[in-house]
Amino acid sequence: MVDALRAAHRVTRRGGIVIDARPDHSRRPRLIAGGRVRGHIHQSEDADARDTRSDGAVRKVIALGLYRSTGTRGVVWHRTRYSSLAEMDEYLSDSARYGGYERGTRQALIPFRRGPIDMRRAIKFELLERL
């Protein structure tokens, strides 16, 4: 991630803003069907370690003097819609970030197997000013 932030630094004018955005591992993704939260999915074994390295990369480029934090940061909830439970299963089987359903979640989604099923996941962001 340090490499990506260095590359963004090269193409951004002094005083320009770079938006750092990545999944927020402190908030579990919600699965919504029939207008209600039906359960959650859990992260893969190494997701926390990758997120910690990403947090460290942002701190490093700030310490190197490439950027400064504007102090503007927060969380947005990103929605992805799946047309069926089978499509949701396929996504989770291929995902490097998510390890699968939390206990009882898949069972709770069976009545909604024909969809739609929405996954809402938290994305944290921070505005960085290029120095």
Foldseek 3Di string as FASTA:
>chain_A
DLVVVVVVLVVADAQGKDKDKDFDQVDFKFKDFPRDTLFTFHWDPCQVVVVVVVVVSVVVCVVVVFWDFPPDKDKDKDKDWDQFVVRVVVCCVPDNTTPTTDPPRSVSCVVQRRDTMMIITIMMMTMIGGD
